[in-house]
Amino acid sequence: MATGKKAKNMGKTIKGKAKEATGKAVGNESLEAKGRAEQIAGDAKQTAQKAKDTLKH
């Protein structure tokens, strides 16, 4: 996987976790849901990139 893309996707996942935790802490369900969605998007992109890398090798 390209290092830049890996870092970007991992950053998105971490950012989502932070948003979710903040949402839980302050009782903001919307922020919590956005955080979960960001985590899912980051994880999906990582999985897709790994699959693409597997097919190349």
N, C-alpha and C. Protein backbone atom coordinates (compact mmCIF):
# COMPACT_ATOMS: atom_id res chain seq x y z
N MET A 1 0.85 -1.17 0.00
CA MET A 1 0.00 0.00 0.00
C MET A 1 0.90 1.23 0.00
N ALA A 2 0.49 2.21 -0.74
CA ALA A 2 1.26 3.44 -0.76
C ALA A 2 1.25 4.05 0.65
N THR A 3 2.41 4.45 1.09
CA THR A 3 2.55 4.95 2.46
C THR A 3 1.66 6.17 2.69
N GLY A 4 1.58 7.06 1.73
CA GLY A 4 0.76 8.26 1.88
C GLY A 4 -0.72 7.93 2.04
N LYS A 5 -1.19 7.00 1.22
CA LYS A 5 -2.60 6.61 1.30
C LYS A 5 -2.89 5.88 2.60
N LYS A 6 -1.95 5.05 3.03
CA LYS A 6 -2.12 4.31 4.28
C LYS A 6 -2.23 5.28 5.45
N ALA A 7 -1.36 6.27 5.47
CA ALA A 7 -1.38 7.26 6.54
C ALA A 7 -2.68 8.07 6.51
N LYS A 8 -3.11 8.43 5.33
CA LYS A 8 -4.35 9.21 5.19
C LYS A 8 -5.56 8.41 5.69
N ASN A 9 -5.63 7.16 5.30
CA ASN A 9 -6.75 6.31 5.73
C ASN A 9 -6.70 6.03 7.23
N MET A 10 -5.51 5.82 7.75
CA MET A 10 -5.36 5.59 9.19
C MET A 10 -5.73 6.85 9.95
N GLY A 11 -5.35 7.99 9.43
CA GLY A 11 -5.70 9.26 10.05
C GLY A 11 -7.20 9.46 10.11
N LYS A 12 -7.87 9.06 9.04
CA LYS A 12 -9.33 9.19 9.00
C LYS A 12 -9.97 8.29 10.06
N THR A 13 -9.44 7.10 10.22
CA THR A 13 -9.96 6.18 11.22
C THR A 13 -9.74 6.73 12.63
N ILE A 14 -8.55 7.24 12.88
CA ILE A 14 -8.23 7.80 14.20
C ILE A 14 -9.08 9.04 14.48
N LYS A 15 -9.25 9.87 13.48
CA LYS A 15 -10.08 11.08 13.62
C LYS A 15 -11.51 10.67 13.95
N GLY A 16 -12.00 9.62 13.31
CA GLY A 16 -13.35 9.13 13.59
C GLY A 16 -13.48 8.63 15.01
N LYS A 17 -12.46 7.92 15.50
CA LYS A 17 -12.49 7.43 16.88
C LYS A 17 -12.53 8.58 17.86
N ALA A 18 -11.77 9.63 17.56
CA ALA A 18 -11.74 10.80 18.44
C ALA A 18 -13.10 11.49 18.46
N LYS A 19 -13.71 11.63 17.28
CA LYS A 19 -15.04 12.25 17.20
C LYS A 19 -16.06 11.44 17.97
N GLU A 20 -16.00 10.12 17.81
CA GLU A 20 -16.96 9.25 18.51
C GLU A 20 -16.79 9.39 20.02
N ALA A 21 -15.55 9.36 20.49
CA ALA A 21 -15.30 9.49 21.93
C ALA A 21 -15.77 10.84 22.46
N THR A 22 -15.51 11.89 21.71
CA THR A 22 -15.96 13.22 22.12
C THR A 22 -17.48 13.28 22.16
N GLY A 23 -18.12 12.70 21.15
CA GLY A 23 -19.58 12.67 21.12
C GLY A 23 -20.16 11.94 22.32
N LYS A 24 -19.55 10.82 22.68
CA LYS A 24 -20.01 10.07 23.85
C LYS A 24 -19.82 10.88 25.13
N ALA A 25 -18.67 11.55 25.23
CA ALA A 25 -18.34 12.30 26.44
C ALA A 25 -19.30 13.46 26.69
N VAL A 26 -19.69 14.13 25.61
CA VAL A 26 -20.56 15.29 25.77
C VAL A 26 -22.03 14.98 25.52
N GLY A 27 -22.33 13.73 25.17
CA GLY A 27 -23.71 13.33 24.94
C GLY A 27 -24.26 13.80 23.61
N ASN A 28 -23.39 14.00 22.63
CA ASN A 28 -23.80 14.47 21.31
C ASN A 28 -23.89 13.26 20.37
N GLU A 29 -25.09 12.76 20.14
CA GLU A 29 -25.28 11.56 19.33
C GLU A 29 -24.90 11.79 17.87
N SER A 30 -25.11 13.00 17.38
CA SER A 30 -24.77 13.31 15.99
C SER A 30 -23.26 13.22 15.77
N LEU A 31 -22.49 13.80 16.67
CA LEU A 31 -21.04 13.76 16.57
C LEU A 31 -20.54 12.32 16.71
N GLU A 32 -21.16 11.58 17.58
CA GLU A 32 -20.81 10.17 17.78
C GLU A 32 -21.04 9.38 16.49
N ALA A 33 -22.17 9.61 15.84
CA ALA A 33 -22.50 8.91 14.59
C ALA A 33 -21.55 9.31 13.46
N LYS A 34 -21.21 10.59 13.40
CA LYS A 34 -20.25 11.04 12.38
C LYS A 34 -18.90 10.38 12.58
N GLY A 35 -18.51 10.24 13.83
CA GLY A 35 -17.25 9.58 14.14
C GLY A 35 -17.23 8.13 13.71
N ARG A 36 -18.33 7.44 13.98
CA ARG A 36 -18.43 6.03 13.55
C ARG A 36 -18.38 5.94 12.03
N ALA A 37 -19.07 6.84 11.35
CA ALA A 37 -19.08 6.83 9.89
C ALA A 37 -17.68 7.07 9.32
N GLU A 38 -16.95 7.99 9.93
CA GLU A 38 -15.58 8.26 9.48
C GLU A 38 -14.69 7.05 9.68
N GLN A 39 -14.86 6.36 10.79
CA GLN A 39 -14.08 5.15 11.05
C GLN A 39 -14.36 4.09 9.99
N ILE A 40 -15.62 3.92 9.69
CA ILE A 40 -16.02 2.91 8.69
C ILE A 40 -15.44 3.26 7.33
N ALA A 41 -15.50 4.55 6.97
CA ALA A 41 -14.95 4.98 5.68
C ALA A 41 -13.45 4.74 5.62
N GLY A 42 -12.74 5.08 6.68
CA GLY A 42 -11.30 4.86 6.71
C GLY A 42 -10.94 3.39 6.64
N ASP A 43 -11.66 2.57 7.37
CA ASP A 43 -11.41 1.12 7.36
C ASP A 43 -11.71 0.53 5.97
N ALA A 44 -12.79 0.98 5.35
CA ALA A 44 -13.15 0.48 4.03
C ALA A 44 -12.08 0.84 3.00
N LYS A 45 -11.58 2.04 3.06
CA LYS A 45 -10.55 2.45 2.11
C LYS A 45 -9.26 1.67 2.34
N GLN A 46 -8.94 1.40 3.60
CA GLN A 46 -7.74 0.59 3.88
C GLN A 46 -7.90 -0.81 3.32
N THR A 47 -9.06 -1.39 3.50
CA THR A 47 -9.33 -2.73 3.01
C THR A 47 -9.25 -2.77 1.49
N ALA A 48 -9.84 -1.78 0.84
CA ALA A 48 -9.81 -1.73 -0.62
C ALA A 48 -8.37 -1.59 -1.13
N GLN A 49 -7.59 -0.75 -0.48
CA GLN A 49 -6.20 -0.55 -0.89
C GLN A 49 -5.39 -1.83 -0.69
N LYS A 50 -5.63 -2.54 0.42
CA LYS A 50 -4.92 -3.80 0.67
C LYS A 50 -5.28 -4.83 -0.39
N ALA A 51 -6.55 -4.88 -0.78
CA ALA A 51 -6.98 -5.82 -1.81
C ALA A 51 -6.31 -5.49 -3.15
N LYS A 52 -6.24 -4.22 -3.43
CA LYS A 52 -5.61 -3.78 -4.67
C LYS A 52 -4.13 -4.16 -4.67
N ASP A 53 -3.47 -3.97 -3.54
CA ASP A 53 -2.06 -4.34 -3.42
C ASP A 53 -1.85 -5.84 -3.57
N THR A 54 -2.78 -6.62 -3.03
CA THR A 54 -2.68 -8.07 -3.10
C THR A 54 -2.77 -8.53 -4.56
N LEU A 55 -3.64 -7.90 -5.33
CA LEU A 55 -3.79 -8.29 -6.73
C LEU A 55 -2.57 -7.89 -7.57
N LYS A 56 -1.86 -6.88 -7.15
CA LYS A 56 -0.67 -6.45 -7.89
C LYS A 56 0.49 -7.41 -7.71
N HIS A 57 0.55 -8.09 -6.57
CA HIS A 57 1.70 -8.95 -6.26
C HIS A 57 1.43 -10.35 -6.59
